[in-house]
Amino acid sequence: WRVAIGLQAVDRLTVSDYLIQLARRNIEGEL
């Protein structure tokens, strides 16, 4: 997830808080 979000930042794009919440749920194994 950090790499994916970092690649967005390279293109000067920011990710939403919603995506970060989903990423955390994926990391935790919930999704």
PDB file of all heavy atoms in Angstrom:
ATOM      1  N   TRP A   1       0.834  -1.210   0.000  1.00  0.00           N
ATOM      2  CA  TRP A   1       0.000   0.000   0.000  1.00  0.00           C
ATOM      3  C   TRP A   1       0.865   1.255   0.000  1.00  0.00           C
ATOM      4  O   TRP A   1       0.573   2.215  -0.705  1.00  0.00           O
ATOM      5  CB  TRP A   1      -0.954   0.012   1.194  1.00  0.00           C
ATOM      6  CG  TRP A   1      -2.185  -0.785   0.948  1.00  0.00           C
ATOM      7  CD1 TRP A   1      -2.518  -1.988   1.499  1.00  0.00           C
ATOM      8  CD2 TRP A   1      -3.258  -0.445   0.062  1.00  0.00           C
ATOM      9  NE1 TRP A   1      -3.727  -2.417   1.008  1.00  0.00           N
ATOM     10  CE2 TRP A   1      -4.210  -1.487   0.132  1.00  0.00           C
ATOM     11  CE3 TRP A   1      -3.511   0.628  -0.765  1.00  0.00           C
ATOM     12  CZ2 TRP A   1      -5.388  -1.475  -0.603  1.00  0.00           C
ATOM     13  CZ3 TRP A   1      -4.684   0.648  -1.497  1.00  0.00           C
ATOM     14  CH2 TRP A   1      -5.607  -0.389  -1.415  1.00  0.00           C
ATOM     15  N   ARG A   2       1.929   1.248   0.774  1.00  0.00           N
ATOM     16  CA  ARG A   2       2.794   2.431   0.820  1.00  0.00           C
ATOM     17  C   ARG A   2       3.403   2.699  -0.553  1.00  0.00           C
ATOM     18  O   ARG A   2       3.478   3.851  -0.994  1.00  0.00           O
ATOM     19  CB  ARG A   2       3.883   2.276   1.868  1.00  0.00           C
ATOM     20  CG  ARG A   2       4.647   3.590   2.022  1.00  0.00           C
ATOM     21  CD  ARG A   2       5.813   3.498   2.931  1.00  0.00           C
ATOM     22  NE  ARG A   2       5.389   3.577   4.326  1.00  0.00           N
ATOM     23  CZ  ARG A   2       6.235   3.456   5.339  1.00  0.00           C
ATOM     24  NH1 ARG A   2       7.504   3.217   5.123  1.00  0.00           N
ATOM     25  NH2 ARG A   2       5.806   3.567   6.564  1.00  0.00           N
ATOM     26  N   VAL A   3       3.836   1.653  -1.233  1.00  0.00           N
ATOM     27  CA  VAL A   3       4.392   1.821  -2.585  1.00  0.00           C
ATOM     28  C   VAL A   3       3.327   2.376  -3.530  1.00  0.00           C
ATOM     29  O   VAL A   3       3.583   3.317  -4.288  1.00  0.00           O
ATOM     30  CB  VAL A   3       4.973   0.492  -3.118  1.00  0.00           C
ATOM     31  CG1 VAL A   3       5.269   0.573  -4.606  1.00  0.00           C
ATOM     32  CG2 VAL A   3       6.226   0.119  -2.340  1.00  0.00           C
ATOM     33  N   ALA A   4       2.136   1.797  -3.489  1.00  0.00           N
ATOM     34  CA  ALA A   4       1.058   2.253  -4.380  1.00  0.00           C
ATOM     35  C   ALA A   4       0.726   3.721  -4.142  1.00  0.00           C
ATOM     36  O   ALA A   4       0.577   4.500  -5.090  1.00  0.00           O
ATOM     37  CB  ALA A   4      -0.182   1.391  -4.174  1.00  0.00           C
ATOM     38  N   ILE A   5       0.646   4.111  -2.880  1.00  0.00           N
ATOM     39  CA  ILE A   5       0.339   5.507  -2.545  1.00  0.00           C
ATOM     40  C   ILE A   5       1.501   6.408  -2.931  1.00  0.00           C
ATOM     41  O   ILE A   5       1.309   7.513  -3.439  1.00  0.00           O
ATOM     42  CB  ILE A   5      -0.040   5.619  -1.055  1.00  0.00           C
ATOM     43  CG1 ILE A   5      -1.396   4.936  -0.837  1.00  0.00           C
ATOM     44  CG2 ILE A   5      -0.067   7.076  -0.596  1.00  0.00           C
ATOM     45  CD1 ILE A   5      -1.762   4.704   0.611  1.00  0.00           C
ATOM     46  N   GLY A   6       2.715   5.922  -2.751  1.00  0.00           N
ATOM     47  CA  GLY A   6       3.898   6.682  -3.151  1.00  0.00           C
ATOM     48  C   GLY A   6       3.946   6.909  -4.647  1.00  0.00           C
ATOM     49  O   GLY A   6       4.352   7.981  -5.114  1.00  0.00           O
ATOM     50  N   LEU A   7       3.541   5.919  -5.421  1.00  0.00           N
ATOM     51  CA  LEU A   7       3.510   6.086  -6.883  1.00  0.00           C
ATOM     52  C   LEU A   7       2.500   7.151  -7.291  1.00  0.00           C
ATOM     53  O   LEU A   7       2.725   7.882  -8.261  1.00  0.00           O
ATOM     54  CB  LEU A   7       3.200   4.754  -7.559  1.00  0.00           C
ATOM     55  CG  LEU A   7       4.331   3.727  -7.507  1.00  0.00           C
ATOM     56  CD1 LEU A   7       3.843   2.380  -8.014  1.00  0.00           C
ATOM     57  CD2 LEU A   7       5.535   4.211  -8.299  1.00  0.00           C
ATOM     58  N   GLN A   8       1.409   7.246  -6.563  1.00  0.00           N
ATOM     59  CA  GLN A   8       0.445   8.319  -6.825  1.00  0.00           C
ATOM     60  C   GLN A   8       1.086   9.673  -6.544  1.00  0.00           C
ATOM     61  O   GLN A   8       0.911  10.625  -7.301  1.00  0.00           O
ATOM     62  CB  GLN A   8      -0.811   8.137  -5.966  1.00  0.00           C
ATOM     63  CG  GLN A   8      -1.593   6.884  -6.247  1.00  0.00           C
ATOM     64  CD  GLN A   8      -2.149   6.869  -7.649  1.00  0.00           C
ATOM     65  OE1 GLN A   8      -2.857   7.779  -8.050  1.00  0.00           O
ATOM     66  NE2 GLN A   8      -1.830   5.835  -8.405  1.00  0.00           N
ATOM     67  N   ALA A   9       1.838   9.743  -5.459  1.00  0.00           N
ATOM     68  CA  ALA A   9       2.481  11.007  -5.066  1.00  0.00           C
ATOM     69  C   ALA A   9       3.506  11.454  -6.108  1.00  0.00           C
ATOM     70  O   ALA A   9       3.679  12.655  -6.334  1.00  0.00           O
ATOM     71  CB  ALA A   9       3.138  10.857  -3.697  1.00  0.00           C
ATOM     72  N   VAL A  10       4.177  10.506  -6.755  1.00  0.00           N
ATOM     73  CA  VAL A  10       5.141  10.850  -7.800  1.00  0.00           C
ATOM     74  C   VAL A  10       4.464  11.647  -8.908  1.00  0.00           C
ATOM     75  O   VAL A  10       5.046  12.574  -9.466  1.00  0.00           O
ATOM     76  CB  VAL A  10       5.800   9.562  -8.372  1.00  0.00           C
ATOM     77  CG1 VAL A  10       6.549   9.844  -9.654  1.00  0.00           C
ATOM     78  CG2 VAL A  10       6.719   8.944  -7.337  1.00  0.00           C
ATOM     79  N   ASP A  11       3.221  11.308  -9.171  1.00  0.00           N
ATOM     80  CA  ASP A  11       2.444  12.020 -10.196  1.00  0.00           C
ATOM     81  C   ASP A  11       1.678  13.203  -9.621  1.00  0.00           C
ATOM     82  O   ASP A  11       0.771  13.735 -10.253  1.00  0.00           O
ATOM     83  CB  ASP A  11       1.467  11.059 -10.878  1.00  0.00           C
ATOM     84  CG  ASP A  11       2.170  10.057 -11.770  1.00  0.00           C
ATOM     85  OD1 ASP A  11       3.255  10.388 -12.284  1.00  0.00           O
ATOM     86  OD2 ASP A  11       1.650   8.946 -11.941  1.00  0.00           O
ATOM     87  N   ARG A  12       2.047  13.589  -8.390  1.00  0.00           N
ATOM     88  CA  ARG A  12       1.413  14.712  -7.684  1.00  0.00           C
ATOM     89  C   ARG A  12      -0.078  14.474  -7.442  1.00  0.00           C
ATOM     90  O   ARG A  12      -0.876  15.408  -7.483  1.00  0.00           O
ATOM     91  CB  ARG A  12       1.651  16.019  -8.418  1.00  0.00           C
ATOM     92  CG  ARG A  12       3.110  16.402  -8.440  1.00  0.00           C
ATOM     93  CD  ARG A  12       3.303  17.802  -8.940  1.00  0.00           C
ATOM     94  NE  ARG A  12       4.689  18.157  -8.755  1.00  0.00           N
ATOM     95  CZ  ARG A  12       5.425  18.744  -9.670  1.00  0.00           C
ATOM     96  NH1 ARG A  12       4.897  19.055 -10.824  1.00  0.00           N
ATOM     97  NH2 ARG A  12       6.675  19.037  -9.418  1.00  0.00           N
ATOM     98  N   LEU A  13      -0.419  13.227  -7.208  1.00  0.00           N
ATOM     99  CA  LEU A  13      -1.800  12.867  -6.879  1.00  0.00           C
ATOM    100  C   LEU A  13      -1.858  12.504  -5.402  1.00  0.00           C
ATOM    101  O   LEU A  13      -0.899  11.958  -4.857  1.00  0.00           O
ATOM    102  CB  LEU A  13      -2.260  11.678  -7.722  1.00  0.00           C
ATOM    103  CG  LEU A  13      -2.217  11.873  -9.228  1.00  0.00           C
ATOM    104  CD1 LEU A  13      -2.506  10.558  -9.938  1.00  0.00           C
ATOM    105  CD2 LEU A  13      -3.215  12.942  -9.653  1.00  0.00           C
ATOM    106  N   THR A  14      -2.957  12.827  -4.772  1.00  0.00           N
ATOM    107  CA  THR A  14      -3.138  12.443  -3.379  1.00  0.00           C
ATOM    108  C   THR A  14      -4.275  11.433  -3.298  1.00  0.00           C
ATOM    109  O   THR A  14      -5.177  11.433  -4.128  1.00  0.00           O
ATOM    110  CB  THR A  14      -3.473  13.657  -2.492  1.00  0.00           C
ATOM    111  OG1 THR A  14      -4.652  14.285  -2.982  1.00  0.00           O
ATOM    112  CG2 THR A  14      -2.330  14.653  -2.467  1.00  0.00           C
ATOM    113  N   VAL A  15      -4.188  10.584  -2.314  1.00  0.00           N
ATOM    114  CA  VAL A  15      -5.239   9.582  -2.134  1.00  0.00           C
ATOM    115  C   VAL A  15      -6.211  10.078  -1.072  1.00  0.00           C
ATOM    116  O   VAL A  15      -5.862  10.875  -0.212  1.00  0.00           O
ATOM    117  CB  VAL A  15      -4.654   8.207  -1.752  1.00  0.00           C
ATOM    118  CG1 VAL A  15      -3.785   7.673  -2.884  1.00  0.00           C
ATOM    119  CG2 VAL A  15      -3.888   8.268  -0.463  1.00  0.00           C
ATOM    120  N   SER A  16      -7.411   9.574  -1.148  1.00  0.00           N
ATOM    121  CA  SER A  16      -8.449  10.003  -0.218  1.00  0.00           C
ATOM    122  C   SER A  16      -8.294   9.302   1.132  1.00  0.00           C
ATOM    123  O   SER A  16      -7.673   8.236   1.235  1.00  0.00           O
ATOM    124  CB  SER A  16      -9.833   9.680  -0.787  1.00  0.00           C
ATOM    125  OG  SER A  16     -10.008   8.280  -0.860  1.00  0.00           O
ATOM    126  N   ASP A  17      -8.880   9.910   2.142  1.00  0.00           N
ATOM    127  CA  ASP A  17      -8.923   9.274   3.457  1.00  0.00           C
ATOM    128  C   ASP A  17      -9.685   7.959   3.376  1.00  0.00           C
ATOM    129  O   ASP A  17      -9.370   7.005   4.093  1.00  0.00           O
ATOM    130  CB  ASP A  17      -9.575  10.201   4.491  1.00  0.00           C
ATOM    131  CG  ASP A  17      -8.707  11.396   4.826  1.00  0.00           C
ATOM    132  OD1 ASP A  17      -7.475  11.320   4.631  1.00  0.00           O
ATOM    133  OD2 ASP A  17      -9.256  12.413   5.290  1.00  0.00           O
ATOM    134  N   TYR A  18     -10.674   7.907   2.508  1.00  0.00           N
ATOM    135  CA  TYR A  18     -11.453   6.686   2.317  1.00  0.00           C
ATOM    136  C   TYR A  18     -10.545   5.546   1.857  1.00  0.00           C
ATOM    137  O   TYR A  18     -10.621   4.423   2.377  1.00  0.00           O
ATOM    138  CB  TYR A  18     -12.574   6.930   1.298  1.00  0.00           C
ATOM    139  CG  TYR A  18     -13.442   5.723   1.039  1.00  0.00           C
ATOM    140  CD1 TYR A  18     -14.257   5.197   2.038  1.00  0.00           C
ATOM    141  CD2 TYR A  18     -13.448   5.099  -0.206  1.00  0.00           C
ATOM    142  CE1 TYR A  18     -15.060   4.091   1.806  1.00  0.00           C
ATOM    143  CE2 TYR A  18     -14.247   3.993  -0.449  1.00  0.00           C
ATOM    144  CZ  TYR A  18     -15.043   3.494   0.561  1.00  0.00           C
ATOM    145  OH  TYR A  18     -15.832   2.393   0.335  1.00  0.00           O
ATOM    146  N   LEU A  19      -9.670   5.815   0.900  1.00  0.00           N
ATOM    147  CA  LEU A  19      -8.761   4.786   0.424  1.00  0.00           C
ATOM    148  C   LEU A  19      -7.840   4.334   1.549  1.00  0.00           C
ATOM    149  O   LEU A  19      -7.588   3.132   1.711  1.00  0.00           O
ATOM    150  CB  LEU A  19      -7.928   5.271  -0.760  1.00  0.00           C
ATOM    151  CG  LEU A  19      -6.943   4.196  -1.222  1.00  0.00           C
ATOM    152  CD1 LEU A  19      -7.517   3.415  -2.381  1.00  0.00           C
ATOM    153  CD2 LEU A  19      -5.620   4.773  -1.544  1.00  0.00           C
ATOM    154  N   ILE A  20      -7.347   5.256   2.329  1.00  0.00           N
ATOM    155  CA  ILE A  20      -6.453   4.898   3.441  1.00  0.00           C
ATOM    156  C   ILE A  20      -7.195   4.030   4.461  1.00  0.00           C
ATOM    157  O   ILE A  20      -6.640   3.053   4.970  1.00  0.00           O
ATOM    158  CB  ILE A  20      -5.834   6.155   4.070  1.00  0.00           C
ATOM    159  CG1 ILE A  20      -4.870   6.795   3.056  1.00  0.00           C
ATOM    160  CG2 ILE A  20      -5.111   5.823   5.371  1.00  0.00           C
ATOM    161  CD1 ILE A  20      -4.331   8.135   3.444  1.00  0.00           C
ATOM    162  N   GLN A  21      -8.451   4.344   4.720  1.00  0.00           N
ATOM    163  CA  GLN A  21      -9.245   3.513   5.631  1.00  0.00           C
ATOM    164  C   GLN A  21      -9.407   2.096   5.074  1.00  0.00           C
ATOM    165  O   GLN A  21      -9.267   1.112   5.816  1.00  0.00           O
ATOM    166  CB  GLN A  21     -10.631   4.124   5.847  1.00  0.00           C
ATOM    167  CG  GLN A  21     -10.632   5.393   6.644  1.00  0.00           C
ATOM    168  CD  GLN A  21     -11.998   6.073   6.640  1.00  0.00           C
ATOM    169  OE1 GLN A  21     -12.948   5.604   6.000  1.00  0.00           O
ATOM    170  NE2 GLN A  21     -12.099   7.175   7.355  1.00  0.00           N
ATOM    171  N   LEU A  22      -9.695   1.997   3.781  1.00  0.00           N
ATOM    172  CA  LEU A  22      -9.827   0.675   3.166  1.00  0.00           C
ATOM    173  C   LEU A  22      -8.494  -0.065   3.177  1.00  0.00           C
ATOM    174  O   LEU A  22      -8.457  -1.277   3.415  1.00  0.00           O
ATOM    175  CB  LEU A  22     -10.346   0.794   1.731  1.00  0.00           C
ATOM    176  CG  LEU A  22     -11.776   1.289   1.561  1.00  0.00           C
ATOM    177  CD1 LEU A  22     -12.121   1.397   0.074  1.00  0.00           C
ATOM    178  CD2 LEU A  22     -12.767   0.390   2.273  1.00  0.00           C
ATOM    179  N   ALA A  23      -7.418   0.654   2.936  1.00  0.00           N
ATOM    180  CA  ALA A  23      -6.087   0.028   2.971  1.00  0.00           C
ATOM    181  C   ALA A  23      -5.810  -0.552   4.350  1.00  0.00           C
ATOM    182  O   ALA A  23      -5.329  -1.681   4.469  1.00  0.00           O
ATOM    183  CB  ALA A  23      -5.020   1.054   2.592  1.00  0.00           C
ATOM    184  N   ARG A  24      -6.129   0.206   5.390  1.00  0.00           N
ATOM    185  CA  ARG A  24      -5.925  -0.300   6.756  1.00  0.00           C
ATOM    186  C   ARG A  24      -6.750  -1.559   7.005  1.00  0.00           C
ATOM    187  O   ARG A  24      -6.271  -2.519   7.613  1.00  0.00           O
ATOM    188  CB  ARG A  24      -6.282   0.761   7.787  1.00  0.00           C
ATOM    189  CG  ARG A  24      -5.260   1.855   7.905  1.00  0.00           C
ATOM    190  CD  ARG A  24      -5.527   2.757   9.106  1.00  0.00           C
ATOM    191  NE  ARG A  24      -4.615   3.873   9.095  1.00  0.00           N
ATOM    192  CZ  ARG A  24      -3.333   3.803   9.447  1.00  0.00           C
ATOM    193  NH1 ARG A  24      -2.841   2.661   9.859  1.00  0.00           N
ATOM    194  NH2 ARG A  24      -2.569   4.861   9.401  1.00  0.00           N
ATOM    195  N   ARG A  25      -7.973  -1.575   6.523  1.00  0.00           N
ATOM    196  CA  ARG A  25      -8.823  -2.758   6.695  1.00  0.00           C
ATOM    197  C   ARG A  25      -8.257  -3.949   5.919  1.00  0.00           C
ATOM    198  O   ARG A  25      -8.328  -5.087   6.379  1.00  0.00           O
ATOM    199  CB  ARG A  25     -10.249  -2.453   6.272  1.00  0.00           C
ATOM    200  CG  ARG A  25     -10.937  -1.473   7.237  1.00  0.00           C
ATOM    201  CD  ARG A  25     -12.343  -1.140   6.840  1.00  0.00           C
ATOM    202  NE  ARG A  25     -13.195  -2.327   6.905  1.00  0.00           N
ATOM    203  CZ  ARG A  25     -14.397  -2.389   6.359  1.00  0.00           C
ATOM    204  NH1 ARG A  25     -14.906  -1.342   5.739  1.00  0.00           N
ATOM    205  NH2 ARG A  25     -15.113  -3.489   6.444  1.00  0.00           N
ATOM    206  N   ASN A  26      -7.656  -3.688   4.760  1.00  0.00           N
ATOM    207  CA  ASN A  26      -7.007  -4.747   4.000  1.00  0.00           C
ATOM    208  C   ASN A  26      -5.763  -5.245   4.739  1.00  0.00           C
ATOM    209  O   ASN A  26      -5.551  -6.455   4.851  1.00  0.00           O
ATOM    210  CB  ASN A  26      -6.637  -4.250   2.602  1.00  0.00           C
ATOM    211  CG  ASN A  26      -5.778  -5.242   1.857  1.00  0.00           C
ATOM    212  OD1 ASN A  26      -4.583  -5.013   1.696  1.00  0.00           O
ATOM    213  ND2 ASN A  26      -6.371  -6.340   1.412  1.00  0.00           N
ATOM    214  N   ILE A  27      -4.972  -4.340   5.236  1.00  0.00           N
ATOM    215  CA  ILE A  27      -3.768  -4.722   5.983  1.00  0.00           C
ATOM    216  C   ILE A  27      -4.135  -5.577   7.187  1.00  0.00           C
ATOM    217  O   ILE A  27      -3.485  -6.581   7.475  1.00  0.00           O
ATOM    218  CB  ILE A  27      -2.972  -3.472   6.406  1.00  0.00           C
ATOM    219  CG1 ILE A  27      -2.408  -2.754   5.170  1.00  0.00           C
ATOM    220  CG2 ILE A  27      -1.854  -3.852   7.380  1.00  0.00           C
ATOM    221  CD1 ILE A  27      -1.893  -1.355   5.442  1.00  0.00           C
ATOM    222  N   GLU A  28      -5.206  -5.197   7.870  1.00  0.00           N
ATOM    223  CA  GLU A  28      -5.658  -5.939   9.049  1.00  0.00           C
ATOM    224  C   GLU A  28      -6.249  -7.300   8.693  1.00  0.00           C
ATOM    225  O   GLU A  28      -6.445  -8.145   9.562  1.00  0.00           O
ATOM    226  CB  GLU A  28      -6.707  -5.126   9.818  1.00  0.00           C
ATOM    227  CG  GLU A  28      -6.152  -3.946  10.576  1.00  0.00           C
ATOM    228  CD  GLU A  28      -5.333  -4.360  11.789  1.00  0.00           C
ATOM    229  OE1 GLU A  28      -5.537  -5.474  12.316  1.00  0.00           O
ATOM    230  OE2 GLU A  28      -4.481  -3.565  12.202  1.00  0.00           O
ATOM    231  N   GLY A  29      -6.547  -7.516   7.417  1.00  0.00           N
ATOM    232  CA  GLY A  29      -7.120  -8.782   6.982  1.00  0.00           C
ATOM    233  C   GLY A  29      -8.640  -8.798   6.989  1.00  0.00           C
ATOM    234  O   GLY A  29      -9.253  -9.834   6.742  1.00  0.00           O
ATOM    235  N   GLU A  30      -9.254  -7.639   7.238  1.00  0.00           N
ATOM    236  CA  GLU A  30     -10.722  -7.548   7.243  1.00  0.00           C
ATOM    237  C   GLU A  30     -11.298  -7.611   5.837  1.00  0.00           C
ATOM    238  O   GLU A  30     -12.417  -8.092   5.649  1.00  0.00           O
ATOM    239  CB  GLU A  30     -11.172  -6.241   7.890  1.00  0.00           C
ATOM    240  CG  GLU A  30     -10.881  -6.104   9.354  1.00  0.00           C
ATOM    241  CD  GLU A  30     -11.257  -4.724   9.865  1.00  0.00           C
ATOM    242  OE1 GLU A  30     -12.206  -4.111   9.325  1.00  0.00           O
ATOM    243  OE2 GLU A  30     -10.585  -4.252  10.792  1.00  0.00           O
ATOM    244  N   LEU A  31     -10.555  -7.071   4.870  1.00  0.00           N
ATOM    245  CA  LEU A  31     -11.002  -7.031   3.475  1.00  0.00           C
ATOM    246  C   LEU A  31      -9.912  -7.593   2.576  1.00  0.00           C
ATOM    247  O   LEU A  31      -8.726  -7.325   2.791  1.00  0.00           O
ATOM    248  CB  LEU A  31     -11.266  -5.580   3.037  1.00  0.00           C
ATOM    249  CG  LEU A  31     -12.369  -4.799   3.715  1.00  0.00           C
ATOM    250  CD1 LEU A  31     -12.335  -3.346   3.263  1.00  0.00           C
ATOM    251  CD2 LEU A  31     -13.717  -5.413   3.418  1.00  0.00           C
TER     252      LEU A  31
END
